[in-house]
N, C-alpha and C. Protein backbone atom coordinates (compact mmCIF):
# COMPACT_ATOMS: atom_id res chain seq x y z
N MET A 1 20.85 47.73 4.64
CA MET A 1 21.88 48.67 3.46
C MET A 1 21.75 48.44 1.99
N LYS A 2 21.28 49.24 0.77
CA LYS A 2 21.98 49.14 -0.18
C LYS A 2 22.36 49.87 -1.44
N GLY A 3 23.11 49.93 -1.93
CA GLY A 3 24.09 51.46 -2.33
C GLY A 3 24.96 51.16 -3.34
N GLY A 4 26.37 52.09 -3.70
CA GLY A 4 26.90 52.03 -4.46
C GLY A 4 28.24 51.18 -4.10
N LYS A 5 29.74 51.57 -4.44
CA LYS A 5 30.39 50.43 -4.15
C LYS A 5 31.60 51.09 -3.00
N LEU A 6 32.21 50.24 -2.18
CA LEU A 6 32.80 50.90 -0.90
C LEU A 6 34.03 50.43 -1.60
N ILE A 7 35.07 51.33 -1.48
CA ILE A 7 36.74 50.78 -1.61
C ILE A 7 37.20 50.97 -0.58
N ILE A 8 38.15 50.23 0.33
CA ILE A 8 38.94 50.12 1.84
C ILE A 8 39.71 50.38 1.22
N PHE A 9 40.41 51.13 2.14
CA PHE A 9 41.91 51.11 1.77
C PHE A 9 42.57 51.10 3.69
N SER A 10 43.67 50.21 3.74
CA SER A 10 43.78 49.42 5.01
C SER A 10 45.86 49.58 5.29
N ALA A 11 46.30 49.56 6.56
CA ALA A 11 47.34 49.80 5.87
C ALA A 11 47.99 50.02 7.63
N PRO A 12 49.20 50.00 7.81
CA PRO A 12 49.75 49.90 9.17
C PRO A 12 49.92 51.62 8.78
N SER A 13 49.69 52.22 10.05
CA SER A 13 49.85 53.74 10.11
C SER A 13 51.48 54.16 9.99
N GLY A 14 50.99 55.04 9.04
CA GLY A 14 52.36 55.73 8.20
C GLY A 14 52.67 55.24 6.54
N SER A 15 51.76 54.12 6.56
CA SER A 15 52.28 53.47 4.75
C SER A 15 51.85 54.41 4.25
N GLY A 16 50.78 55.53 4.66
CA GLY A 16 50.89 56.30 3.15
C GLY A 16 49.24 56.32 2.31
N LYS A 17 48.44 55.36 3.13
CA LYS A 17 46.45 55.07 2.65
C LYS A 17 45.98 56.46 3.25
N THR A 18 45.74 57.42 3.69
CA THR A 18 45.86 58.33 3.75
C THR A 18 45.57 59.55 2.49
N THR A 19 47.53 59.51 2.36
CA THR A 19 47.52 60.22 1.17
C THR A 19 47.35 59.62 -0.27
N ILE A 20 46.99 58.81 -0.48
CA ILE A 20 45.96 57.71 -1.26
C ILE A 20 45.04 58.30 -1.44
N VAL A 21 43.97 57.74 -0.16
CA VAL A 21 43.15 58.09 -0.51
C VAL A 21 42.07 59.31 -0.99
N GLN A 22 43.26 60.66 -0.35
CA GLN A 22 42.99 62.21 -0.43
C GLN A 22 42.98 62.18 -1.73
N HIS A 23 44.20 61.28 -2.18
CA HIS A 23 44.41 61.69 -3.90
C HIS A 23 43.40 61.26 -4.62
N LEU A 24 42.55 60.21 -4.10
CA LEU A 24 41.49 59.34 -5.15
C LEU A 24 40.27 60.63 -4.89
N LEU A 25 40.13 61.01 -3.95
CA LEU A 25 38.72 61.67 -3.20
C LEU A 25 38.81 63.20 -5.01
N LYS A 26 40.10 63.48 -4.90
CA LYS A 26 40.08 64.55 -5.78
C LYS A 26 39.67 64.30 -7.48
N GLN A 27 39.89 62.67 -7.74
CA GLN A 27 39.62 62.38 -8.89
C GLN A 27 37.91 62.61 -9.27
N GLU A 28 37.58 63.15 -10.06
CA GLU A 28 35.85 63.50 -9.51
C GLU A 28 35.16 62.66 -10.69
N GLU A 29 36.03 61.65 -11.42
CA GLU A 29 34.92 60.95 -12.32
C GLU A 29 35.03 59.27 -11.64
N LEU A 30 35.44 59.15 -10.35
CA LEU A 30 35.32 58.25 -9.66
C LEU A 30 34.28 58.15 -8.69
N ASN A 31 34.04 59.43 -8.53
CA ASN A 31 32.35 59.79 -7.78
C ASN A 31 32.56 59.28 -6.20
N LEU A 32 33.80 59.58 -5.88
CA LEU A 32 33.91 58.80 -4.21
C LEU A 32 33.54 59.95 -3.28
N ALA A 33 33.23 59.20 -2.02
CA ALA A 33 32.74 60.31 -0.71
C ALA A 33 33.97 59.78 0.49
N PHE A 34 33.95 60.37 1.08
CA PHE A 34 34.73 59.41 2.35
C PHE A 34 33.83 59.45 3.69
N SER A 35 34.07 57.96 3.64
CA SER A 35 33.21 57.71 5.03
C SER A 35 34.44 58.34 6.36
N VAL A 36 33.36 59.11 6.97
CA VAL A 36 34.30 59.29 7.89
C VAL A 36 33.65 58.56 9.59
N SER A 37 35.18 58.24 9.84
CA SER A 37 34.82 56.92 10.75
C SER A 37 34.43 57.71 12.28
N ALA A 38 33.90 57.35 13.30
CA ALA A 38 33.15 57.65 14.67
C ALA A 38 35.05 57.18 15.35
N THR A 39 35.20 57.60 16.76
CA THR A 39 36.09 57.38 17.46
C THR A 39 36.33 58.14 18.50
N SER A 40 36.83 57.24 19.97
CA SER A 40 36.45 57.66 21.25
C SER A 40 38.00 58.38 21.44
N ARG A 41 38.99 57.95 20.69
CA ARG A 41 40.12 58.88 21.22
C ARG A 41 40.10 60.79 21.05
N PRO A 42 40.80 61.12 21.66
CA PRO A 42 40.98 62.64 21.53
C PRO A 42 41.15 63.30 20.29
N ARG A 43 41.24 64.66 20.19
CA ARG A 43 41.40 65.02 19.08
C ARG A 43 42.95 65.37 18.73
N ARG A 44 43.46 65.36 17.44
CA ARG A 44 45.16 65.86 17.31
C ARG A 44 45.12 67.13 16.43
N GLY A 45 45.55 67.94 17.03
CA GLY A 45 46.30 68.87 16.11
C GLY A 45 44.54 70.13 15.63
N LYS A 46 44.48 69.84 14.16
CA LYS A 46 43.48 70.60 13.98
C LYS A 46 42.39 69.48 13.34
N GLU A 47 42.20 68.58 14.17
CA GLU A 47 41.35 67.71 13.50
C GLU A 47 39.78 68.59 13.64
N LYS A 48 39.12 67.89 12.82
CA LYS A 48 37.37 68.85 12.99
C LYS A 48 36.49 67.81 13.35
N GLN A 49 35.54 67.91 13.97
CA GLN A 49 34.27 66.85 14.12
C GLN A 49 33.42 66.69 12.74
N GLY A 50 33.14 65.63 12.37
CA GLY A 50 32.39 64.87 11.12
C GLY A 50 33.17 65.80 10.03
N VAL A 51 34.47 65.47 10.12
CA VAL A 51 35.41 65.96 9.16
C VAL A 51 36.57 64.94 8.83
N ASN A 52 37.28 65.23 9.80
CA ASN A 52 38.08 64.05 10.18
C ASN A 52 37.94 62.77 10.67
N TYR A 53 36.87 62.98 11.76
CA TYR A 53 35.99 61.74 12.43
C TYR A 53 34.87 62.23 13.21
N TYR A 54 34.24 61.49 14.11
CA TYR A 54 32.99 61.76 14.52
C TYR A 54 33.51 61.31 15.98
N PHE A 55 33.72 62.73 16.66
CA PHE A 55 34.41 62.28 18.05
C PHE A 55 33.53 61.92 19.00
N MET A 56 33.90 61.15 19.92
CA MET A 56 32.61 60.58 20.69
C MET A 56 33.38 60.16 22.39
N SER A 57 32.31 60.02 23.38
CA SER A 57 33.55 60.25 24.34
C SER A 57 33.27 58.35 24.28
N ILE A 58 34.10 57.42 25.59
CA ILE A 58 33.70 56.40 25.35
C ILE A 58 32.47 55.54 26.05
N SER A 59 31.96 55.89 26.56
CA SER A 59 30.66 55.83 27.21
C SER A 59 29.73 56.01 25.69
N GLN A 60 29.91 57.31 25.64
CA GLN A 60 28.19 57.40 23.81
C GLN A 60 29.06 56.54 22.23
N PHE A 61 30.21 55.83 22.38
CA PHE A 61 31.06 54.96 21.56
C PHE A 61 30.27 53.30 22.18
N LYS A 62 30.39 53.39 23.38
CA LYS A 62 29.78 51.93 23.54
C LYS A 62 27.95 51.86 23.72
N LYS A 63 27.46 53.12 23.85
CA LYS A 63 26.17 53.10 23.49
C LYS A 63 25.64 52.59 22.19
N HIS A 64 26.17 53.88 21.26
CA HIS A 64 26.13 53.04 19.80
C HIS A 64 26.56 51.81 19.41
N ILE A 65 27.40 51.56 20.05
CA ILE A 65 27.95 49.43 19.77
C ILE A 65 26.69 48.62 20.80
N LYS A 66 26.04 49.42 21.65
CA LYS A 66 24.89 48.08 22.01
C LYS A 66 23.59 48.43 21.24
N GLU A 67 23.45 49.58 20.20
CA GLU A 67 22.35 49.66 19.82
C GLU A 67 22.24 49.29 18.35
N ASP A 68 23.76 48.94 17.87
CA ASP A 68 24.09 48.19 17.00
C ASP A 68 24.08 49.57 15.75
N ASP A 69 24.59 50.46 15.85
CA ASP A 69 24.64 51.70 15.21
C ASP A 69 26.10 51.44 14.67
N PHE A 70 26.84 50.13 14.61
CA PHE A 70 28.40 50.11 13.21
C PHE A 70 28.10 49.24 12.36
N ILE A 71 28.25 49.30 11.67
CA ILE A 71 28.72 48.50 10.28
C ILE A 71 29.90 47.46 10.74
N GLU A 72 31.24 48.13 11.48
CA GLU A 72 31.95 47.03 12.32
C GLU A 72 32.47 48.29 13.25
N TRP A 73 33.40 48.07 14.48
CA TRP A 73 33.97 48.76 15.26
C TRP A 73 35.30 47.90 15.71
N GLU A 74 35.98 48.30 16.36
CA GLU A 74 37.07 47.35 17.10
C GLU A 74 37.43 48.90 18.28
N GLU A 75 37.82 48.27 19.37
CA GLU A 75 39.06 48.84 20.55
C GLU A 75 40.26 48.48 19.89
N VAL A 76 40.97 49.67 19.22
CA VAL A 76 42.16 49.55 18.32
C VAL A 76 43.14 49.49 19.70
N TYR A 77 43.19 50.28 20.68
CA TYR A 77 44.34 50.23 21.30
C TYR A 77 43.11 50.49 22.60
N ARG A 78 43.67 50.14 24.27
CA ARG A 78 42.45 50.47 25.01
C ARG A 78 42.18 51.68 24.97
N ASP A 79 40.92 51.39 25.35
CA ASP A 79 39.62 53.03 25.50
C ASP A 79 40.04 53.58 24.11
N ASN A 80 40.47 53.55 23.15
CA ASN A 80 40.21 53.79 21.52
C ASN A 80 39.51 52.61 20.63
N PHE A 81 38.28 52.93 21.10
CA PHE A 81 37.26 52.65 19.57
C PHE A 81 37.07 53.38 18.53
N TYR A 82 37.09 52.81 17.36
CA TYR A 82 36.93 53.08 15.93
C TYR A 82 36.00 52.66 15.63
N GLY A 83 35.10 53.01 14.72
CA GLY A 83 33.79 51.78 14.02
C GLY A 83 33.48 52.71 12.79
N THR A 84 32.54 52.25 11.93
CA THR A 84 31.75 53.14 10.83
C THR A 84 30.47 53.08 11.53
N LEU A 85 29.68 53.68 11.17
CA LEU A 85 28.52 54.42 11.59
C LEU A 85 27.32 53.90 10.61
N LYS A 86 26.95 53.24 10.97
CA LYS A 86 25.63 52.85 9.17
C LYS A 86 25.05 53.65 8.47
N THR A 87 24.86 54.93 9.56
CA THR A 87 23.89 56.32 8.79
C THR A 87 25.14 56.65 8.52
N GLU A 88 26.77 56.98 8.35
CA GLU A 88 27.55 57.73 7.38
C GLU A 88 27.40 57.24 5.92
N VAL A 89 27.43 55.41 5.77
CA VAL A 89 27.54 54.95 4.57
C VAL A 89 26.15 55.05 4.04
N GLU A 90 24.70 55.28 4.53
CA GLU A 90 23.66 54.90 4.15
C GLU A 90 23.66 56.60 3.18
N ARG A 91 24.12 57.95 4.36
CA ARG A 91 24.23 58.73 3.85
C ARG A 91 24.35 59.42 2.71
N LEU A 92 26.01 58.50 2.47
CA LEU A 92 27.11 58.52 1.30
C LEU A 92 26.23 58.22 0.05
N TRP A 93 25.47 56.66 0.04
CA TRP A 93 24.95 56.09 -0.42
C TRP A 93 23.78 56.69 -1.01
N ALA A 94 22.94 57.46 -0.59
CA ALA A 94 21.85 58.27 -0.78
C ALA A 94 22.38 59.43 -1.62
N GLU A 95 23.34 59.79 -1.57
CA GLU A 95 23.94 61.22 -2.33
C GLU A 95 24.66 60.44 -3.59
N GLY A 96 24.32 59.40 -4.11
CA GLY A 96 24.77 58.13 -5.14
C GLY A 96 26.20 58.17 -5.44
N LYS A 97 27.04 58.57 -3.86
CA LYS A 97 28.42 58.26 -4.12
C LYS A 97 28.99 56.83 -3.60
N ASN A 98 30.23 56.54 -4.40
CA ASN A 98 30.98 55.24 -3.88
C ASN A 98 31.74 55.61 -2.57
N VAL A 99 31.79 54.93 -1.77
CA VAL A 99 32.41 55.55 -0.48
C VAL A 99 33.87 54.82 -0.23
N ILE A 100 34.76 55.40 0.07
CA ILE A 100 36.24 55.30 0.35
C ILE A 100 36.42 55.54 1.69
N PHE A 101 37.05 54.17 2.13
CA PHE A 101 37.43 54.61 3.58
C PHE A 101 38.96 54.15 4.11
N ASP A 102 39.24 54.47 4.54
CA ASP A 102 41.07 55.20 5.27
C ASP A 102 40.74 54.10 6.59
N ILE A 103 41.16 53.16 6.31
CA ILE A 103 40.30 52.23 7.86
C ILE A 103 41.42 51.04 8.49
N ASP A 104 41.53 50.92 9.59
CA ASP A 104 42.50 49.85 9.98
C ASP A 104 41.82 48.37 9.18
N VAL A 105 42.79 47.33 9.68
CA VAL A 105 42.86 46.04 8.98
C VAL A 105 41.67 45.11 9.42
N VAL A 106 41.36 45.31 10.41
CA VAL A 106 40.04 44.57 10.91
C VAL A 106 38.92 45.17 10.42
N GLY A 107 38.58 46.26 10.74
CA GLY A 107 37.64 47.17 9.95
C GLY A 107 37.23 46.88 8.97
N GLY A 108 38.36 47.20 7.85
CA GLY A 108 38.29 46.98 6.36
C GLY A 108 37.92 45.39 6.18
N LEU A 109 38.69 44.57 6.68
CA LEU A 109 38.40 42.88 6.31
C LEU A 109 36.62 42.51 6.75
N ARG A 110 36.10 43.11 8.12
CA ARG A 110 34.75 43.66 8.74
C ARG A 110 34.15 43.81 7.51
N ILE A 111 34.00 44.90 7.22
CA ILE A 111 33.23 45.46 5.66
C ILE A 111 33.43 44.79 4.82
N LYS A 112 34.28 43.74 4.16
CA LYS A 112 34.50 42.82 2.95
C LYS A 112 33.63 42.07 3.18
N LYS A 113 34.00 41.45 4.83
CA LYS A 113 32.90 40.37 5.23
C LYS A 113 31.67 40.05 4.68
N LYS A 114 30.85 41.78 5.42
CA LYS A 114 29.97 41.95 5.18
C LYS A 114 29.37 42.17 3.85
N PHE A 115 29.64 42.59 2.96
CA PHE A 115 29.78 43.65 1.72
C PHE A 115 30.41 42.72 0.57
N PRO A 116 30.42 41.54 0.68
CA PRO A 116 31.62 40.92 -0.50
C PRO A 116 31.63 41.13 -2.02
N LYS A 117 30.47 41.64 -2.81
CA LYS A 117 30.42 42.27 -3.90
C LYS A 117 30.43 43.42 -3.96
N GLU A 118 30.44 44.40 -3.33
CA GLU A 118 30.16 45.68 -3.17
C GLU A 118 31.63 45.96 -2.95
N THR A 119 32.24 45.59 -2.34
CA THR A 119 33.41 45.93 -1.77
C THR A 119 35.17 45.83 -2.61
N LEU A 120 35.86 46.52 -2.81
CA LEU A 120 37.03 46.25 -3.12
C LEU A 120 38.31 46.88 -1.59
N ALA A 121 38.89 45.83 -1.45
CA ALA A 121 39.28 46.21 -0.09
C ALA A 121 40.96 45.93 -0.55
N VAL A 122 41.66 46.84 -0.62
CA VAL A 122 42.98 47.23 -0.87
C VAL A 122 44.30 47.63 0.16
N PHE A 123 45.25 46.78 0.46
CA PHE A 123 46.10 46.91 1.59
C PHE A 123 47.30 48.07 0.86
N VAL A 124 47.97 48.79 1.57
CA VAL A 124 48.67 49.46 1.14
C VAL A 124 49.94 49.38 2.25
N LYS A 125 51.12 48.69 1.16
CA LYS A 125 52.31 48.10 1.65
C LYS A 125 53.34 48.79 2.01
N PRO A 126 54.27 49.34 3.26
CA PRO A 126 55.43 49.96 3.84
C PRO A 126 56.50 49.42 2.66
N PRO A 127 57.21 50.38 2.58
CA PRO A 127 58.78 49.82 1.91
C PRO A 127 59.22 48.94 3.10
N SER A 128 59.22 49.21 4.74
CA SER A 128 59.63 48.40 5.72
C SER A 128 59.59 48.80 7.17
N VAL A 129 59.31 48.23 7.85
CA VAL A 129 58.87 48.59 9.21
C VAL A 129 59.84 49.91 9.95
N ASP A 130 60.78 49.97 9.36
CA ASP A 130 61.95 50.85 9.67
C ASP A 130 61.47 51.96 8.89
N GLU A 131 61.06 52.25 7.77
CA GLU A 131 60.31 53.27 7.14
C GLU A 131 59.17 53.78 7.63
N LEU A 132 58.37 53.12 8.62
CA LEU A 132 57.38 53.39 9.14
C LEU A 132 57.81 54.04 10.49
N LYS A 133 58.47 53.84 11.38
CA LYS A 133 59.05 54.00 12.27
C LYS A 133 59.35 56.07 11.72
N ILE A 134 60.39 55.84 10.95
CA ILE A 134 60.43 57.22 10.26
C ILE A 134 59.42 58.38 10.25
N ARG A 135 58.29 57.43 9.57
CA ARG A 135 57.47 58.60 8.96
C ARG A 135 56.61 58.96 10.24
N LEU A 136 56.50 57.88 11.13
CA LEU A 136 55.91 58.69 12.44
C LEU A 136 56.18 59.40 12.95
N LYS A 137 57.28 59.11 13.61
CA LYS A 137 58.69 60.08 14.25
C LYS A 137 58.42 61.63 13.81
N LYS A 138 58.30 61.34 11.86
CA LYS A 138 58.01 63.43 11.20
C LYS A 138 56.84 63.61 11.36
N ARG A 139 55.92 63.07 11.55
CA ARG A 139 54.87 63.45 11.68
C ARG A 139 54.54 64.55 13.25
N SER A 140 54.68 63.78 14.38
CA SER A 140 55.49 64.64 15.67
C SER A 140 54.12 64.70 16.18
N THR A 141 53.09 63.89 16.22
CA THR A 141 51.74 64.19 16.69
C THR A 141 51.86 62.94 17.71
N GLU A 142 52.88 61.98 17.65
CA GLU A 142 52.48 61.04 19.01
C GLU A 142 53.94 60.87 19.57
N SER A 143 53.79 60.24 20.91
CA SER A 143 54.93 60.30 22.03
C SER A 143 55.38 58.78 21.25
N GLU A 144 56.44 58.35 21.57
CA GLU A 144 57.24 57.91 21.77
C GLU A 144 56.94 56.35 21.93
N GLU A 145 56.22 56.22 23.06
CA GLU A 145 55.54 55.17 23.52
C GLU A 145 54.06 54.70 22.39
N LYS A 146 53.42 55.64 22.11
CA LYS A 146 52.31 55.75 21.15
C LYS A 146 53.29 54.87 19.83
N ILE A 147 54.13 55.61 19.45
CA ILE A 147 54.78 55.17 18.11
C ILE A 147 54.96 53.59 18.40
N ASN A 148 55.65 53.16 19.42
CA ASN A 148 56.20 51.67 19.14
C ASN A 148 55.09 51.22 19.70
N MET A 149 54.06 51.32 19.99
CA MET A 149 52.99 50.42 20.26
C MET A 149 52.55 50.40 18.24
N ARG A 150 52.57 51.50 17.79
CA ARG A 150 51.97 51.53 16.45
C ARG A 150 52.88 50.42 15.47
N ILE A 151 54.21 50.52 15.72
CA ILE A 151 55.13 49.70 15.01
C ILE A 151 54.99 48.07 15.42
N ALA A 152 54.34 47.64 16.99
CA ALA A 152 54.32 46.63 17.05
C ALA A 152 53.07 45.93 16.73
N LYS A 153 52.03 46.92 16.70
CA LYS A 153 50.93 46.50 15.71
C LYS A 153 51.18 46.32 14.37
N ALA A 154 52.25 47.09 13.64
CA ALA A 154 51.92 46.73 12.18
C ALA A 154 52.71 45.77 11.61
N SER A 155 53.75 44.73 12.39
CA SER A 155 53.95 43.67 12.27
C SER A 155 52.54 42.33 12.10
N VAL A 156 51.57 42.95 12.92
CA VAL A 156 50.48 41.54 12.89
C VAL A 156 49.32 42.25 11.56
N GLU A 157 49.40 43.55 11.30
CA GLU A 157 48.69 44.16 10.31
C GLU A 157 48.94 43.52 8.88
N LEU A 158 50.59 43.79 8.74
CA LEU A 158 51.22 43.25 7.32
C LEU A 158 51.04 41.86 7.55
N ALA A 159 50.82 40.91 8.09
CA ALA A 159 50.43 39.64 7.95
C ALA A 159 48.84 39.30 7.31
N THR A 160 48.44 40.49 7.73
CA THR A 160 46.36 40.64 6.66
C THR A 160 46.87 40.49 5.01
N ALA A 161 47.76 41.07 5.02
CA ALA A 161 47.98 41.77 3.86
C ALA A 161 47.45 41.01 2.46
N PRO A 162 47.56 39.48 2.58
CA PRO A 162 46.95 38.53 1.59
C PRO A 162 45.22 38.18 2.08
N GLN A 163 44.78 38.81 2.85
CA GLN A 163 43.16 38.64 2.86
C GLN A 163 42.98 39.86 2.04
N PHE A 164 43.41 40.85 1.59
CA PHE A 164 42.77 41.79 0.72
C PHE A 164 42.86 41.43 -0.83
N ASP A 165 41.75 41.99 -1.33
CA ASP A 165 41.59 41.92 -3.05
C ASP A 165 42.78 42.47 -3.59
N LYS A 166 43.73 43.24 -3.22
CA LYS A 166 44.78 43.50 -3.84
C LYS A 166 45.94 44.39 -2.93
N ILE A 167 46.98 44.50 -2.82
CA ILE A 167 48.00 44.89 -2.71
C ILE A 167 48.76 45.69 -3.27
N ILE A 168 48.84 47.11 -2.67
CA ILE A 168 50.24 48.38 -3.44
C ILE A 168 51.17 48.68 -2.67
N LYS A 169 52.34 48.50 -3.04
CA LYS A 169 53.15 48.58 -2.50
C LYS A 169 53.82 50.06 -2.66
N ASN A 170 53.55 50.66 -1.24
CA ASN A 170 54.10 51.79 -1.58
C ASN A 170 55.62 52.23 -1.32
N TYR A 171 56.46 51.80 -2.13
CA TYR A 171 58.14 52.64 -2.38
C TYR A 171 57.94 53.74 -2.74
N ASP A 172 57.00 53.71 -3.92
CA ASP A 172 57.00 55.38 -4.82
C ASP A 172 56.15 55.60 -4.61
N LEU A 173 55.64 57.33 -4.39
CA LEU A 173 54.30 57.36 -3.85
C LEU A 173 53.79 58.00 -5.06
N ASP A 174 54.26 57.95 -5.94
CA ASP A 174 53.43 58.63 -7.68
C ASP A 174 53.08 57.19 -8.17
N THR A 175 54.09 56.32 -8.42
CA THR A 175 53.37 54.71 -8.60
C THR A 175 52.04 54.40 -8.00
N ALA A 176 52.48 54.56 -6.70
CA ALA A 176 50.81 54.14 -5.72
C ALA A 176 50.24 54.58 -5.76
N LEU A 177 49.97 55.79 -6.48
CA LEU A 177 48.91 56.82 -6.41
C LEU A 177 48.18 56.46 -7.52
N ASP A 178 48.91 56.29 -8.75
CA ASP A 178 48.38 55.38 -10.52
C ASP A 178 47.70 54.25 -9.90
N GLU A 179 48.32 53.46 -9.57
CA GLU A 179 48.28 52.16 -9.52
C GLU A 179 46.63 51.95 -8.51
N ALA A 180 46.13 52.80 -7.57
CA ALA A 180 45.05 52.71 -7.08
C ALA A 180 44.24 53.41 -7.48
N HIS A 181 44.40 54.21 -8.23
CA HIS A 181 43.47 55.11 -9.20
C HIS A 181 43.20 53.89 -9.99
N GLN A 182 43.99 53.01 -11.23
CA GLN A 182 43.47 52.24 -12.12
C GLN A 182 42.96 50.96 -11.20
N LEU A 183 43.17 50.64 -9.96
CA LEU A 183 42.11 49.94 -9.27
C LEU A 183 40.75 50.06 -8.86
N VAL A 184 40.28 51.41 -8.49
CA VAL A 184 39.19 52.27 -8.43
C VAL A 184 38.51 51.80 -9.67
N ALA A 185 39.12 52.90 -10.95
CA ALA A 185 38.56 53.14 -11.53
C ALA A 185 37.73 51.61 -12.45
N ASP A 186 39.13 50.35 -12.68
CA ASP A 186 38.87 49.62 -12.62
C ASP A 186 37.27 49.02 -12.29
N PHE A 187 37.49 48.77 -10.47
CA PHE A 187 36.40 47.91 -9.94
C PHE A 187 34.72 48.91 -9.97
N ILE A 188 34.81 50.29 -10.19
CA ILE A 188 33.86 51.15 -10.22
C ILE A 188 33.20 50.99 -11.71
N GLY A 189 33.86 50.78 -12.86
CA GLY A 189 33.86 50.60 -14.37
C GLY A 189 33.65 51.65 -15.14
N VAL A 190 34.87 52.73 -14.53
CA VAL A 190 34.99 53.70 -15.23
C VAL A 190 36.23 53.73 -16.06
N LYS A 191 36.34 54.76 -16.99
CA LYS A 191 37.63 54.65 -18.18
C LYS A 191 38.07 55.49 -17.33
N ARG A 192 39.57 55.83 -17.46
CA ARG A 192 40.54 56.21 -17.40
C ARG A 192 40.55 57.68 -18.04
N LYS A 193 40.75 58.78 -17.78
CA LYS A 193 40.94 59.92 -18.85
C LYS A 193 42.75 59.98 -19.56
């Protein structure tokens, strides 16, 4: 696999990484394309196949694992698999794009390890674990049990922050968006407007 740059944004759920990634995708000078992950979890709300995720059954996901179709994959929660298909990154690189990921910390670090020179790995740090819980509850997409699982996982994820190239502290969204834009522009060698 050979192509453009890889830009990873990882964080505990509710930290704001998706908001940051969506903002960066709108900045045309960065020439970014979103890497859609594969998952075995069910769709939520208005999620669309091939837009939010490539939804597949557990058996389909395991077949892709066996056939070495993923750059990285992980069983994030029991029977909830997530992964990055090699074909997805190859497709975006063939379009001449830099690939941006909104991905869990383990997956992000695995990609960084496989492509150290091509990858910028950014960790988005939330104001606090309490603030994460508030944000997750406001989403109204998951049960209290799922939220508690995500909060428990957040402590482990926060401990990985020093392994990333950069850490953005998302205490103020506008500041975090500006910092993320500058980091990505510098990494890919684009002068900001």
